[in-house]
């Protein structure tokens, strides 16, 4: 990591970015996002305007400094999913945990961002765009598991949406102070456990109920499984059996209704 100019007592670029970010959030809280300028942020942090733009491309980038790096970590985990019937959905939920842990590590900074994005439309739009980007990444990664083609990937879209929604529900509760760090981890385990219970119960649709059983290809429900068979995904979760069982029973009931029809 490059350092700043000589005479800065060895301050690293990372330290400079931290000072700039802390100065920016303090000013945003005091006078609002729109009223705060780059020059004010730089002055508050004790650096020049040129230094600011060496670290951040814009005032908005101060709010989302680690987005690209976080997205890359999530993408790297999703790239390893493959089409294994048990590992793929579980791997996708692990990718969701990477995002939660990032926010937990940010602590009060993440909560300050949450307050800003709730009140500044341009920042809120960027947050919405970021969420949509994560959903696309999860959907694209899950296609290998569902066996669907781009543009005809409803199954992957639904599972991806469920995972992202479960994560965001828990994250918002943590951002609002409803749960602490450990509580957020437990709630995410429970939420993702419910998602995987539903996925395991319904299996991969793949059109198995639209094709006569003797014509369905092996593993139409999942790669390597008998047509019309079931796959069980096991997840270590904070949810109790009493919490998961009703979801599992409801999912199985949906499958039975479809088959009888």
C-alpha atoms as a PDB file:
ATOM      1  CA  UNK A   1       0.000   0.000   0.000  1.00  0.00           C
ATOM      2  CA  UNK A   2       1.589   3.337  -0.969  1.00  0.00           C
ATOM      3  CA  UNK A   3       2.280   5.916   1.701  1.00  0.00           C
ATOM      4  CA  UNK A   4       1.620   9.616   1.667  1.00  0.00           C
ATOM      5  CA  UNK A   5       4.269  12.234   1.093  1.00  0.00           C
ATOM      6  CA  UNK A   6       7.335  12.456   3.287  1.00  0.00           C
ATOM      7  CA  UNK A   7       6.760  14.318   6.525  1.00  0.00           C
ATOM      8  CA  UNK A   8       3.426  12.625   7.141  1.00  0.00           C
ATOM      9  CA  UNK A   9       5.044  10.542   9.898  1.00  0.00           C
ATOM     10  CA  UNK A  10       4.525   7.348   7.952  1.00  0.00           C
ATOM     11  CA  UNK A  11       0.761   7.673   7.638  1.00  0.00           C
ATOM     12  CA  UNK A  12      -0.467   5.097   5.149  1.00  0.00           C
ATOM     13  CA  UNK A  13      -3.041   5.633   2.435  1.00  0.00           C
ATOM     14  CA  UNK A  14      -5.385   3.419   4.433  1.00  0.00           C
ATOM     15  CA  UNK A  15      -5.087   5.727   7.435  1.00  0.00           C
ATOM     16  CA  UNK A  16      -5.721   8.727   5.195  1.00  0.00           C
ATOM     17  CA  UNK A  17      -8.839   7.092   3.780  1.00  0.00           C
ATOM     18  CA  UNK A  18     -10.072   6.400   7.321  1.00  0.00           C
ATOM     19  CA  UNK A  19      -9.522  10.009   8.377  1.00  0.00           C
ATOM     20  CA  UNK A  20     -11.287  11.293   5.289  1.00  0.00           C
ATOM     21  CA  UNK A  21     -14.210   8.942   5.835  1.00  0.00           C
ATOM     22  CA  UNK A  22     -14.547   9.878   9.506  1.00  0.00           C
ATOM     23  CA  UNK A  23     -14.351  13.587   8.646  1.00  0.00           C
ATOM     24  CA  UNK A  24     -16.940  13.203   5.912  1.00  0.00           C
ATOM     25  CA  UNK A  25     -19.446  11.389   8.123  1.00  0.00           C
ATOM     26  CA  UNK A  26     -18.997  13.930  10.902  1.00  0.00           C
ATOM     27  CA  UNK A  27     -19.742  16.756   8.468  1.00  0.00           C
ATOM     28  CA  UNK A  28     -22.647  14.886   6.910  1.00  0.00           C
ATOM     29  CA  UNK A  29     -24.191  14.478  10.359  1.00  0.00           C
ATOM     30  CA  UNK A  30     -23.605  18.142  11.242  1.00  0.00           C
ATOM     31  CA  UNK A  31     -24.653  19.945   8.072  1.00  0.00           C
ATOM     32  CA  UNK A  32     -26.104  17.359   5.715  1.00  0.00           C
ATOM     33  CA  UNK A  33     -24.749  15.500   2.714  1.00  0.00           C
ATOM     34  CA  UNK A  34     -25.675  18.044   0.042  1.00  0.00           C
ATOM     35  CA  UNK A  35     -24.195  20.986   1.967  1.00  0.00           C
ATOM     36  CA  UNK A  36     -20.845  19.274   2.513  1.00  0.00           C
ATOM     37  CA  UNK A  37     -18.101  19.839  -0.068  1.00  0.00           C
ATOM     38  CA  UNK A  38     -14.992  17.883  -0.887  1.00  0.00           C
ATOM     39  CA  UNK A  39     -12.855  20.839   0.223  1.00  0.00           C
ATOM     40  CA  UNK A  40     -14.543  20.823   3.627  1.00  0.00           C
ATOM     41  CA  UNK A  41     -13.974  17.092   4.030  1.00  0.00           C
ATOM     42  CA  UNK A  42     -10.315  17.416   3.098  1.00  0.00           C
ATOM     43  CA  UNK A  43      -9.803  20.348   5.481  1.00  0.00           C
ATOM     44  CA  UNK A  44     -11.535  18.503   8.328  1.00  0.00           C
ATOM     45  CA  UNK A  45      -9.244  15.518   7.752  1.00  0.00           C
ATOM     46  CA  UNK A  46      -6.143  17.709   7.573  1.00  0.00           C
ATOM     47  CA  UNK A  47      -5.255  16.916   3.960  1.00  0.00           C
ATOM     48  CA  UNK A  48      -5.472  18.713   0.647  1.00  0.00           C
ATOM     49  CA  UNK A  49      -8.053  18.439  -2.097  1.00  0.00           C
ATOM     50  CA  UNK A  50      -5.575  16.567  -4.306  1.00  0.00           C
ATOM     51  CA  UNK A  51      -5.066  13.947  -1.606  1.00  0.00           C
ATOM     52  CA  UNK A  52      -8.813  13.467  -1.332  1.00  0.00           C
ATOM     53  CA  UNK A  53      -9.098  12.642  -5.025  1.00  0.00           C
ATOM     54  CA  UNK A  54      -6.131  10.306  -4.829  1.00  0.00           C
ATOM     55  CA  UNK A  55      -8.091   8.246  -2.320  1.00  0.00           C
ATOM     56  CA  UNK A  56     -11.704   8.713  -3.451  1.00  0.00           C
ATOM     57  CA  UNK A  57     -13.081   9.463  -6.876  1.00  0.00           C
ATOM     58  CA  UNK A  58     -15.996  11.512  -5.565  1.00  0.00           C
ATOM     59  CA  UNK A  59     -17.883  12.524  -2.432  1.00  0.00           C
ATOM     60  CA  UNK A  60     -20.267   9.629  -3.042  1.00  0.00           C
ATOM     61  CA  UNK A  61     -17.374   7.161  -3.061  1.00  0.00           C
ATOM     62  CA  UNK A  62     -16.677   8.080   0.562  1.00  0.00           C
ATOM     63  CA  UNK A  63     -20.028   6.499   1.438  1.00  0.00           C
ATOM     64  CA  UNK A  64     -19.392   3.249  -0.447  1.00  0.00           C
ATOM     65  CA  UNK A  65     -15.600   2.855  -0.282  1.00  0.00           C
ATOM     66  CA  UNK A  66     -15.378  -0.945  -0.159  1.00  0.00           C
ATOM     67  CA  UNK A  67     -18.241  -1.907  -2.451  1.00  0.00           C
ATOM     68  CA  UNK A  68     -16.114  -3.263  -5.294  1.00  0.00           C
ATOM     69  CA  UNK A  69     -13.844  -5.263  -2.993  1.00  0.00           C
ATOM     70  CA  UNK A  70     -16.833  -6.766  -1.161  1.00  0.00           C
ATOM     71  CA  UNK A  71     -18.603  -7.606  -4.412  1.00  0.00           C
ATOM     72  CA  UNK A  72     -15.423  -9.328  -5.627  1.00  0.00           C
ATOM     73  CA  UNK A  73     -15.251 -11.483  -2.472  1.00  0.00           C
ATOM     74  CA  UNK A  74     -18.881 -12.509  -2.890  1.00  0.00           C
ATOM     75  CA  UNK A  75     -18.364 -13.239  -6.593  1.00  0.00           C
ATOM     76  CA  UNK A  76     -15.313 -15.375  -5.798  1.00  0.00           C
ATOM     77  CA  UNK A  77     -17.384 -17.526  -3.429  1.00  0.00           C
ATOM     78  CA  UNK A  78     -20.248 -17.783  -5.903  1.00  0.00           C
ATOM     79  CA  UNK A  79     -17.853 -18.839  -8.654  1.00  0.00           C
ATOM     80  CA  UNK A  80     -17.196 -22.061  -6.713  1.00  0.00           C
ATOM     81  CA  UNK A  81     -20.838 -23.195  -6.479  1.00  0.00           C
ATOM     82  CA  UNK A  82     -20.995 -25.604  -9.422  1.00  0.00           C
ATOM     83  CA  UNK A  83     -24.051 -27.835  -9.763  1.00  0.00           C
ATOM     84  CA  UNK A  84     -23.788 -30.035  -6.672  1.00  0.00           C
ATOM     85  CA  UNK A  85     -27.341 -30.469  -5.303  1.00  0.00           C
ATOM     86  CA  UNK A  86     -26.313 -29.899  -1.707  1.00  0.00           C
ATOM     87  CA  UNK A  87     -23.284 -27.643  -1.947  1.00  0.00           C
ATOM     88  CA  UNK A  88     -24.614 -25.052  -4.387  1.00  0.00           C
ATOM     89  CA  UNK A  89     -27.473 -23.612  -2.285  1.00  0.00           C
ATOM     90  CA  UNK A  90     -25.367 -23.850   0.865  1.00  0.00           C
ATOM     91  CA  UNK A  91     -22.483 -22.045  -0.837  1.00  0.00           C
ATOM     92  CA  UNK A  92     -24.837 -19.270  -1.890  1.00  0.00           C
ATOM     93  CA  UNK A  93     -25.912 -18.732   1.707  1.00  0.00           C
ATOM     94  CA  UNK A  94     -22.244 -18.598   2.754  1.00  0.00           C
ATOM     95  CA  UNK A  95     -21.750 -15.832   0.211  1.00  0.00           C
ATOM     96  CA  UNK A  96     -24.587 -13.918   1.903  1.00  0.00           C
ATOM     97  CA  UNK A  97     -22.794 -14.288   5.227  1.00  0.00           C
ATOM     98  CA  UNK A  98     -19.716 -12.577   3.755  1.00  0.00           C
ATOM     99  CA  UNK A  99     -21.817  -9.451   3.225  1.00  0.00           C
ATOM    100  CA  UNK A 100     -23.284  -9.487   6.732  1.00  0.00           C
ATOM    101  CA  UNK A 101     -19.871  -9.934   8.338  1.00  0.00           C
ATOM    102  CA  UNK A 102     -18.568  -6.962   6.350  1.00  0.00           C
ATOM    103  CA  UNK A 103     -21.303  -4.725   7.765  1.00  0.00           C
ATOM    104  CA  UNK A 104     -20.785  -6.036  11.283  1.00  0.00           C
ATOM    105  CA  UNK A 105     -17.086  -5.210  11.017  1.00  0.00           C
ATOM    106  CA  UNK A 106     -17.932  -1.644   9.950  1.00  0.00           C
ATOM    107  CA  UNK A 107     -20.107  -1.155  13.024  1.00  0.00           C
ATOM    108  CA  UNK A 108     -21.211   2.455  13.566  1.00  0.00           C
ATOM    109  CA  UNK A 109     -19.940   3.436  10.121  1.00  0.00           C
ATOM    110  CA  UNK A 110     -22.479   1.098   8.520  1.00  0.00           C
ATOM    111  CA  UNK A 111     -25.253   2.558  10.671  1.00  0.00           C
ATOM    112  CA  UNK A 112     -24.257   6.096   9.713  1.00  0.00           C
ATOM    113  CA  UNK A 113     -24.397   5.075   6.040  1.00  0.00           C
ATOM    114  CA  UNK A 114     -27.832   3.584   6.617  1.00  0.00           C
ATOM    115  CA  UNK A 115     -29.091   6.888   8.016  1.00  0.00           C
ATOM    116  CA  UNK A 116     -27.621   8.775   5.072  1.00  0.00           C
ATOM    117  CA  UNK A 117     -29.011   6.499   2.382  1.00  0.00           C
ATOM    118  CA  UNK A 118     -32.441   6.740   3.997  1.00  0.00           C
ATOM    119  CA  UNK A 119     -32.428  10.527   3.620  1.00  0.00           C
ATOM    120  CA  UNK A 120     -30.455  11.176   0.404  1.00  0.00           C
ATOM    121  CA  UNK A 121     -32.203   9.963  -2.787  1.00  0.00           C
ATOM    122  CA  UNK A 122     -29.023   9.644  -4.881  1.00  0.00           C
ATOM    123  CA  UNK A 123     -27.391   7.459  -2.234  1.00  0.00           C
ATOM    124  CA  UNK A 124     -30.542   5.413  -1.830  1.00  0.00           C
ATOM    125  CA  UNK A 125     -30.623   4.824  -5.577  1.00  0.00           C
ATOM    126  CA  UNK A 126     -27.057   3.564  -5.471  1.00  0.00           C
ATOM    127  CA  UNK A 127     -27.934   1.231  -2.593  1.00  0.00           C
ATOM    128  CA  UNK A 128     -30.901  -0.134  -4.543  1.00  0.00           C
ATOM    129  CA  UNK A 129     -28.674  -0.644  -7.579  1.00  0.00           C
ATOM    130  CA  UNK A 130     -26.142  -2.468  -5.417  1.00  0.00           C
ATOM    131  CA  UNK A 131     -28.842  -4.814  -4.082  1.00  0.00           C
ATOM    132  CA  UNK A 132     -30.009  -5.555  -7.622  1.00  0.00           C
ATOM    133  CA  UNK A 133     -26.415  -6.304  -8.589  1.00  0.00           C
ATOM    134  CA  UNK A 134     -26.061  -8.847  -5.781  1.00  0.00           C
ATOM    135  CA  UNK A 135     -29.320 -10.504  -6.797  1.00  0.00           C
ATOM    136  CA  UNK A 136     -28.049 -10.846 -10.383  1.00  0.00           C
ATOM    137  CA  UNK A 137     -24.765 -12.331  -9.181  1.00  0.00           C
ATOM    138  CA  UNK A 138     -26.555 -14.919  -7.063  1.00  0.00           C
ATOM    139  CA  UNK A 139     -28.998 -15.740  -9.869  1.00  0.00           C
ATOM    140  CA  UNK A 140     -26.254 -16.190 -12.448  1.00  0.00           C
ATOM    141  CA  UNK A 141     -24.220 -18.389 -10.094  1.00  0.00           C
ATOM    142  CA  UNK A 142     -27.224 -20.561  -9.232  1.00  0.00           C
ATOM    143  CA  UNK A 143     -28.032 -21.296 -12.881  1.00  0.00           C
ATOM    144  CA  UNK A 144     -25.404 -24.022 -12.901  1.00  0.00           C
ATOM    145  CA  UNK A 145     -27.334 -25.719 -10.104  1.00  0.00           C
ATOM    146  CA  UNK A 146     -30.824 -25.191 -11.542  1.00  0.00           C
ATOM    147  CA  UNK A 147     -29.765 -26.134 -15.073  1.00  0.00           C
ATOM    148  CA  UNK A 148     -31.583 -23.129 -16.544  1.00  0.00           C
ATOM    149  CA  UNK A 149     -30.618 -20.868 -19.409  1.00  0.00           C
ATOM    150  CA  UNK A 150     -30.224 -17.074 -19.225  1.00  0.00           C
ATOM    151  CA  UNK A 151     -33.600 -15.458 -19.752  1.00  0.00           C
ATOM    152  CA  UNK A 152     -35.402 -18.643 -18.714  1.00  0.00           C
ATOM    153  CA  UNK A 153     -34.084 -18.904 -15.178  1.00  0.00           C
ATOM    154  CA  UNK A 154     -37.061 -18.367 -12.891  1.00  0.00           C
ATOM    155  CA  UNK A 155     -35.891 -20.987 -10.389  1.00  0.00           C
ATOM    156  CA  UNK A 156     -32.478 -19.356  -9.966  1.00  0.00           C
ATOM    157  CA  UNK A 157     -34.128 -15.924  -9.773  1.00  0.00           C
ATOM    158  CA  UNK A 158     -36.498 -17.015  -7.014  1.00  0.00           C
ATOM    159  CA  UNK A 159     -33.806 -18.714  -4.907  1.00  0.00           C
ATOM    160  CA  UNK A 160     -31.415 -15.788  -5.355  1.00  0.00           C
ATOM    161  CA  UNK A 161     -34.132 -13.331  -4.411  1.00  0.00           C
ATOM    162  CA  UNK A 162     -34.982 -15.342  -1.307  1.00  0.00           C
ATOM    163  CA  UNK A 163     -31.378 -15.395  -0.128  1.00  0.00           C
ATOM    164  CA  UNK A 164     -30.850 -11.664  -0.714  1.00  0.00           C
ATOM    165  CA  UNK A 165     -34.191 -10.793   0.911  1.00  0.00           C
ATOM    166  CA  UNK A 166     -33.426 -12.938   3.961  1.00  0.00           C
ATOM    167  CA  UNK A 167     -30.036 -11.266   4.336  1.00  0.00           C
ATOM    168  CA  UNK A 168     -31.393  -7.734   3.931  1.00  0.00           C
ATOM    169  CA  UNK A 169     -34.192  -8.349   6.429  1.00  0.00           C
ATOM    170  CA  UNK A 170     -31.669  -9.337   9.100  1.00  0.00           C
ATOM    171  CA  UNK A 171     -29.236  -6.581   8.141  1.00  0.00           C
ATOM    172  CA  UNK A 172     -31.900  -3.891   8.504  1.00  0.00           C
ATOM    173  CA  UNK A 173     -32.768  -5.170  11.980  1.00  0.00           C
ATOM    174  CA  UNK A 174     -29.117  -4.923  12.978  1.00  0.00           C
ATOM    175  CA  UNK A 175     -28.743  -1.447  11.439  1.00  0.00           C
ATOM    176  CA  UNK A 176     -31.761  -0.253  13.433  1.00  0.00           C
ATOM    177  CA  UNK A 177     -30.314  -1.654  16.654  1.00  0.00           C
ATOM    178  CA  UNK A 178     -32.965  -4.359  17.092  1.00  0.00           C
ATOM    179  CA  UNK A 179     -30.265  -7.043  17.461  1.00  0.00           C
ATOM    180  CA  UNK A 180     -26.570  -7.073  18.314  1.00  0.00           C
ATOM    181  CA  UNK A 181     -23.833  -8.711  16.237  1.00  0.00           C
ATOM    182  CA  UNK A 182     -24.357 -12.213  17.615  1.00  0.00           C
ATOM    183  CA  UNK A 183     -28.111 -11.814  17.333  1.00  0.00           C
ATOM    184  CA  UNK A 184     -27.747 -10.827  13.675  1.00  0.00           C
ATOM    185  CA  UNK A 185     -25.652 -13.912  12.994  1.00  0.00           C
ATOM    186  CA  UNK A 186     -28.223 -16.154  14.662  1.00  0.00           C
ATOM    187  CA  UNK A 187     -31.095 -14.505  12.802  1.00  0.00           C
ATOM    188  CA  UNK A 188     -29.300 -14.868   9.474  1.00  0.00           C
ATOM    189  CA  UNK A 189     -28.694 -18.559  10.190  1.00  0.00           C
ATOM    190  CA  UNK A 190     -32.379 -18.983  10.928  1.00  0.00           C
ATOM    191  CA  UNK A 191     -33.517 -16.993   7.867  1.00  0.00           C
ATOM    192  CA  UNK A 192     -31.201 -18.816   5.495  1.00  0.00           C
ATOM    193  CA  UNK A 193     -32.169 -22.118   7.114  1.00  0.00           C
ATOM    194  CA  UNK A 194     -35.784 -21.429   6.185  1.00  0.00           C
ATOM    195  CA  UNK A 195     -34.743 -20.608   2.619  1.00  0.00           C
ATOM    196  CA  UNK A 196     -32.770 -23.841   2.302  1.00  0.00           C
ATOM    197  CA  UNK A 197     -35.558 -25.887   3.868  1.00  0.00           C
ATOM    198  CA  UNK A 198     -37.888 -24.633   1.158  1.00  0.00           C
ATOM    199  CA  UNK A 199     -35.291 -25.247  -1.547  1.00  0.00           C
ATOM    200  CA  UNK A 200     -34.628 -28.782  -0.314  1.00  0.00           C
ATOM    201  CA  UNK A 201     -38.328 -29.598  -0.135  1.00  0.00           C
ATOM    202  CA  UNK A 202     -39.281 -28.337  -3.567  1.00  0.00           C
ATOM    203  CA  UNK A 203     -36.148 -29.479  -5.344  1.00  0.00           C
ATOM    204  CA  UNK A 204     -35.148 -28.111  -8.698  1.00  0.00           C
ATOM    205  CA  UNK A 205     -38.291 -27.704 -10.823  1.00  0.00           C
ATOM    206  CA  UNK A 206     -36.632 -28.130 -14.204  1.00  0.00           C
ATOM    207  CA  UNK A 207     -40.012 -29.003 -15.679  1.00  0.00           C
ATOM    208  CA  UNK A 208     -40.159 -32.457 -14.093  1.00  0.00           C
ATOM    209  CA  UNK A 209     -43.914 -32.162 -13.550  1.00  0.00           C
ATOM    210  CA  UNK A 210     -44.414 -31.187 -17.190  1.00  0.00           C
ATOM    211  CA  UNK A 211     -42.822 -34.311 -18.662  1.00  0.00           C
ATOM    212  CA  UNK A 212     -43.921 -37.959 -18.323  1.00  0.00           C
ATOM    213  CA  UNK A 213     -41.718 -39.684 -15.723  1.00  0.00           C
ATOM    214  CA  UNK A 214     -40.447 -42.270 -18.215  1.00  0.00           C
ATOM    215  CA  UNK A 215     -39.271 -39.467 -20.528  1.00  0.00           C
ATOM    216  CA  UNK A 216     -37.723 -37.231 -17.921  1.00  0.00           C
ATOM    217  CA  UNK A 217     -33.906 -37.231 -18.068  1.00  0.00           C
ATOM    218  CA  UNK A 218     -31.990 -38.586 -15.082  1.00  0.00           C
ATOM    219  CA  UNK A 219     -31.569 -35.913 -12.450  1.00  0.00           C
ATOM    220  CA  UNK A 220     -34.212 -33.609 -13.865  1.00  0.00           C
ATOM    221  CA  UNK A 221     -34.867 -32.520 -10.310  1.00  0.00           C
ATOM    222  CA  UNK A 222     -31.126 -32.144  -9.675  1.00  0.00           C
ATOM    223  CA  UNK A 223     -27.918 -33.236 -11.372  1.00  0.00           C
ATOM    224  CA  UNK A 224     -27.318 -36.881 -10.566  1.00  0.00           C
ATOM    225  CA  UNK A 225     -30.626 -37.537  -8.786  1.00  0.00           C
ATOM    226  CA  UNK A 226     -33.459 -39.760 -10.001  1.00  0.00           C
ATOM    227  CA  UNK A 227     -36.312 -38.016 -11.793  1.00  0.00           C
ATOM    228  CA  UNK A 228     -38.942 -36.873  -9.328  1.00  0.00           C
ATOM    229  CA  UNK A 229     -36.579 -37.644  -6.404  1.00  0.00           C
ATOM    230  CA  UNK A 230     -35.792 -35.456  -3.427  1.00  0.00           C
ATOM    231  CA  UNK A 231     -32.607 -33.825  -2.244  1.00  0.00           C
ATOM    232  CA  UNK A 232     -31.981 -32.937   1.375  1.00  0.00           C
ATOM    233  CA  UNK A 233     -29.733 -29.991   2.179  1.00  0.00           C
ATOM    234  CA  UNK A 234     -28.327 -29.927   5.703  1.00  0.00           C
ATOM    235  CA  UNK A 235     -27.449 -26.559   7.257  1.00  0.00           C
ATOM    236  CA  UNK A 236     -26.213 -25.761  10.729  1.00  0.00           C
ATOM    237  CA  UNK A 237     -28.765 -23.160  11.763  1.00  0.00           C
ATOM    238  CA  UNK A 238     -29.940 -21.251  14.806  1.00  0.00           C
ATOM    239  CA  UNK A 239     -33.526 -22.188  13.949  1.00  0.00           C
ATOM    240  CA  UNK A 240     -35.234 -24.840  16.045  1.00  0.00           C
ATOM    241  CA  UNK A 241     -36.979 -27.870  14.568  1.00  0.00           C
ATOM    242  CA  UNK A 242     -40.308 -26.339  15.584  1.00  0.00           C
ATOM    243  CA  UNK A 243     -39.492 -23.226  13.524  1.00  0.00           C
ATOM    244  CA  UNK A 244     -38.256 -25.031  10.419  1.00  0.00           C
ATOM    245  CA  UNK A 245     -40.763 -27.899  10.317  1.00  0.00           C
ATOM    246  CA  UNK A 246     -43.854 -25.809   9.381  1.00  0.00           C
ATOM    247  CA  UNK A 247     -41.938 -24.277   6.465  1.00  0.00           C
ATOM    248  CA  UNK A 248     -40.799 -27.701   5.335  1.00  0.00           C
ATOM    249  CA  UNK A 249     -44.311 -29.142   5.594  1.00  0.00           C
ATOM    250  CA  UNK A 250     -45.778 -26.225   3.621  1.00  0.00           C
ATOM    251  CA  UNK A 251     -43.181 -26.678   0.875  1.00  0.00           C
ATOM    252  CA  UNK A 252     -43.889 -30.413   0.669  1.00  0.00           C
ATOM    253  CA  UNK A 253     -47.609 -29.696   0.466  1.00  0.00           C
ATOM    254  CA  UNK A 254     -47.005 -27.434  -2.504  1.00  0.00           C
ATOM    255  CA  UNK A 255     -45.089 -30.211  -4.237  1.00  0.00           C
ATOM    256  CA  UNK A 256     -47.883 -32.756  -3.576  1.00  0.00           C
ATOM    257  CA  UNK A 257     -50.549 -30.416  -4.936  1.00  0.00           C
ATOM    258  CA  UNK A 258     -48.529 -29.848  -8.107  1.00  0.00           C
ATOM    259  CA  UNK A 259     -47.951 -33.563  -8.660  1.00  0.00           C
ATOM    260  CA  UNK A 260     -51.627 -34.469  -8.089  1.00  0.00           C
ATOM    261  CA  UNK A 261     -52.685 -31.755 -10.522  1.00  0.00           C
END
